[in-house]
Protein backbone atom coordinates (compact mmCIF):
# COMPACT_ATOMS: atom_id res chain seq x y z
CA MET A 1 0.00 0.00 0.00
CA SER A 2 1.35 3.41 -0.91
CA LEU A 3 1.24 6.62 1.06
CA SER A 4 -2.26 8.11 1.14
CA GLU A 5 -2.89 11.78 0.45
CA VAL A 6 -4.15 12.32 4.01
CA ASP A 7 -1.00 10.82 5.52
CA ARG A 8 1.16 12.76 3.07
CA GLN A 9 -0.44 15.97 4.34
CA PHE A 10 -0.02 14.94 8.01
CA LEU A 11 3.63 14.22 7.38
CA GLN A 12 4.26 17.39 5.40
CA ARG A 13 2.54 19.60 7.98
CA CYS A 14 4.66 18.09 10.76
CA LEU A 15 7.89 18.57 8.85
CA GLU A 16 6.92 22.18 8.12
CA ARG A 17 5.97 22.66 11.80
CA ALA A 18 2.51 23.91 10.95
CA PRO A 19 0.31 24.96 13.89
CA ARG A 20 -1.24 21.95 15.69
CA ALA A 21 0.36 19.60 13.16
CA TRP A 22 2.18 17.54 15.78
CA GLN A 23 -0.91 17.31 18.02
CA ASN A 24 -2.98 16.12 15.06
CA PHE A 25 -0.28 13.63 14.10
CA VAL A 26 -0.19 12.22 17.64
CA ASP A 27 -4.00 12.06 17.78
CA ARG A 28 -4.05 10.11 14.52
CA PHE A 29 -1.32 7.58 15.39
CA LEU A 30 -1.51 7.25 19.18
CA GLY A 31 -3.75 4.19 19.02
CA LEU A 32 -1.39 2.51 16.58
CA VAL A 33 1.62 3.06 18.84
CA VAL A 34 -0.28 1.82 21.91
CA HIS A 35 -1.27 -1.31 19.98
CA VAL A 36 2.33 -1.89 18.91
CA ALA A 37 3.52 -1.48 22.53
CA ASN A 38 0.97 -4.03 23.76
CA HIS A 39 1.69 -6.49 20.97
CA THR A 40 5.48 -6.20 21.24
CA ALA A 41 5.42 -6.74 25.00
CA GLU A 42 2.92 -9.60 24.72
CA SER A 43 5.05 -11.37 22.13
CA ARG A 44 7.89 -11.30 24.67
CA GLY A 45 5.69 -12.64 27.48
CA ILE A 46 5.50 -9.30 29.29
CA THR A 47 2.33 -7.78 30.71
CA LEU A 48 2.57 -4.00 30.77
CA ASP A 49 1.00 -1.84 33.41
CA GLN A 50 -0.43 1.52 32.34
CA SER A 51 2.57 3.62 33.38
CA THR A 52 5.09 1.37 31.62
CA ARG A 53 2.95 1.36 28.46
CA ASP A 54 2.73 5.17 28.61
CA ASP A 55 6.52 5.40 28.99
CA LEU A 56 7.07 3.17 25.97
CA VAL A 57 4.59 5.14 23.85
CA ALA A 58 6.20 8.42 24.89
CA GLU A 59 9.61 7.05 23.99
CA VAL A 60 8.36 6.23 20.48
CA PHE A 61 7.04 9.75 19.95
CA LEU A 62 10.28 11.21 21.33
CA ALA A 63 12.19 9.12 18.81
CA LEU A 64 10.00 10.54 16.05
CA ILE A 65 10.72 14.17 16.95
CA ALA A 66 14.41 13.66 17.76
CA ASN A 67 16.90 15.39 15.48
CA ASP A 68 14.29 17.68 13.98
CA PHE A 69 11.90 14.85 13.01
CA GLY A 70 14.83 12.85 11.59
CA VAL A 71 12.91 9.56 11.54
CA LEU A 72 10.01 11.16 9.66
CA ARG A 73 12.36 12.94 7.27
CA ARG A 74 13.98 9.59 6.36
CA PHE A 75 10.61 8.09 5.42
CA ARG A 76 10.91 7.09 1.73
CA ARG A 77 7.15 7.23 1.14
CA ASN A 78 7.02 3.90 -0.66
CA CYS A 79 4.59 2.33 1.87
CA SER A 80 1.83 3.60 4.12
CA LEU A 81 2.79 5.90 6.96
CA ALA A 82 1.10 3.52 9.41
CA THR A 83 3.32 0.65 8.23
CA TYR A 84 6.46 2.77 8.60
CA LEU A 85 5.43 3.97 12.07
CA THR A 86 4.65 0.39 13.13
CA VAL A 87 8.17 -0.71 12.22
CA VAL A 88 9.74 2.30 13.96
CA ALA A 89 7.59 1.85 17.08
CA ARG A 90 8.32 -1.87 17.29
CA ARG A 91 12.06 -1.26 17.03
CA VAL A 92 12.05 1.48 19.69
CA ILE A 93 9.91 -0.59 22.08
CA ALA A 94 11.83 -3.83 21.50
CA ARG A 95 15.11 -2.03 22.13
CA ARG A 96 13.76 -0.53 25.35
CA LEU A 97 12.40 -3.87 26.56
CA ALA A 98 15.68 -5.59 25.72
CA THR A 99 17.80 -3.00 27.52
CA SER A 100 15.48 -3.14 30.50
CA GLN A 101 15.99 -6.92 30.62
CA ILE A 102 12.34 -7.38 31.55
CA GLY A 103 11.48 -11.08 31.61
CA PRO A 104 8.12 -12.85 31.46
CA GLN A 105 6.65 -11.00 34.38
CA THR A 106 4.51 -7.98 34.90
CA ALA A 107 6.10 -4.57 35.12
CA SER A 108 4.50 -4.09 38.55
CA GLN A 109 6.27 -7.23 39.84
CA LEU A 110 9.49 -5.79 38.51
CA GLU A 111 8.84 -2.54 40.35
CA THR A 112 8.64 -4.44 43.64
CA VAL A 113 12.20 -5.54 43.13
CA ASN A 114 13.30 -2.16 41.74
CA GLN A 115 12.24 -0.28 44.86
CA GLU A 116 15.47 0.23 46.71
CA ALA A 117 14.62 3.33 48.67
CA VAL A 118 17.09 4.25 51.38
CA SER A 119 15.69 4.06 54.92
CA ASP A 120 16.54 6.35 57.87
CA ASN A 121 19.56 4.31 58.98
CA GLY A 122 21.04 4.31 55.46
CA HIS A 123 20.22 0.69 54.59
CA GLN A 124 18.08 -0.12 51.60
CA SER A 125 14.45 -0.96 52.18
CA ARG A 126 13.49 -4.57 52.60
CA ILE A 127 11.48 -6.40 49.97
CA GLU A 128 8.13 -7.30 51.48
CA ASN A 129 6.87 -10.16 49.35
CA ARG A 130 8.47 -13.26 50.91
CA GLU A 131 7.43 -15.72 48.16
CA GLU A 132 8.67 -13.45 45.40
CA VAL A 133 12.04 -13.02 47.10
CA GLN A 134 12.41 -16.78 47.52
CA GLN A 135 11.65 -17.33 43.81
CA LEU A 136 14.04 -14.60 42.72
CA MET A 137 16.80 -15.91 44.98
CA LEU A 138 17.07 -18.97 42.73
CA ARG A 139 18.96 -16.69 40.30
CA LEU A 140 21.74 -16.08 42.85
CA ASP A 141 24.84 -17.96 43.91
CA PRO A 142 24.66 -19.47 47.43
CA GLN A 143 26.57 -16.69 49.24
CA GLU A 144 24.43 -13.92 47.67
CA ALA A 145 21.25 -15.88 48.35
CA ASN A 146 22.29 -16.29 51.99
CA VAL A 147 22.89 -12.54 52.38
CA VAL A 148 19.58 -11.69 50.67
CA ARG A 149 17.72 -14.23 52.83
CA MET A 150 19.19 -12.83 56.05
CA TYR A 151 18.49 -9.22 55.11
CA HIS A 152 15.12 -9.39 53.39
CA LEU A 153 13.52 -12.44 54.98
CA GLU A 154 15.05 -12.57 58.43
CA GLY A 155 15.37 -8.80 58.89
CA LYS A 156 18.99 -8.90 60.03
CA SER A 157 21.12 -5.77 60.02
CA TYR A 158 24.32 -5.39 58.00
CA GLN A 159 26.31 -5.88 61.19
CA GLU A 160 24.50 -9.12 62.05
CA ILE A 161 24.95 -10.44 58.51
CA SER A 162 28.62 -9.49 58.56
CA GLN A 163 29.21 -11.43 61.77
CA SER A 164 27.21 -14.43 60.51
CA VAL A 165 28.90 -14.86 57.14
CA GLY A 166 32.35 -13.47 58.00
CA MET A 167 32.16 -10.70 55.43
CA ALA A 168 33.13 -7.06 56.00
CA GLU A 169 30.09 -4.98 56.97
CA ASN A 170 30.77 -2.45 54.20
CA SER A 171 30.60 -5.31 51.65
CA ILE A 172 27.02 -6.28 52.53
CA GLY A 173 25.44 -3.32 50.68
CA PRO A 174 27.29 -3.99 47.40
CA VAL A 175 26.47 -7.72 47.63
CA LEU A 176 22.77 -6.88 48.09
CA SER A 177 22.92 -4.40 45.22
CA ARG A 178 24.51 -6.96 42.85
CA ALA A 179 21.99 -9.56 44.00
CA ARG A 180 19.10 -7.20 43.25
CA SER A 181 20.53 -6.61 39.78
CA LYS A 182 20.69 -10.34 39.16
CA MET A 183 17.16 -10.81 40.48
CA ARG A 184 15.96 -8.11 38.06
CA GLY A 185 17.81 -9.94 35.30
CA GLU A 186 20.32 -7.13 34.69
CA ALA A 187 23.35 -9.31 35.29
CA SER A 188 24.09 -12.98 34.99
């Protein structure tokens, strides 16, 4: 299918920066980009929550306007604009999902692990969901799993963990941080 006259006008108005052209362009293709985000995530076994989907969609539109609409300027106009935008959106979203190392889980489950807020005494907050921590600990080597278990499941302090495992107290934080990265799938 070739480029329709309506899409040609949408594209031309955006490139010329006509008033409300970008808003009209977004209104026309927002549904398409949302669909591509859902489909791309689903094909990778990922369930998106609303905020993650919104972030992915926003990233696609940011890619379109980057470098003075560089992606739109490179459009050769030998297919429909919707087809071209689908390919661009899928590539942007797939790249983002790949760099995020999100596995077959929901984004909200990932957020539970990502929350590493610092508490009053300077230690990172404990993960609340006991079953989830036990499942995620399977990704760790025995020493890391032991430190994670003592901190998150048994509620031990860095000092107590240090005495128990014979590791320097200032090494506990980095071990927990590396373990969290592994549990998120960021490192192997």
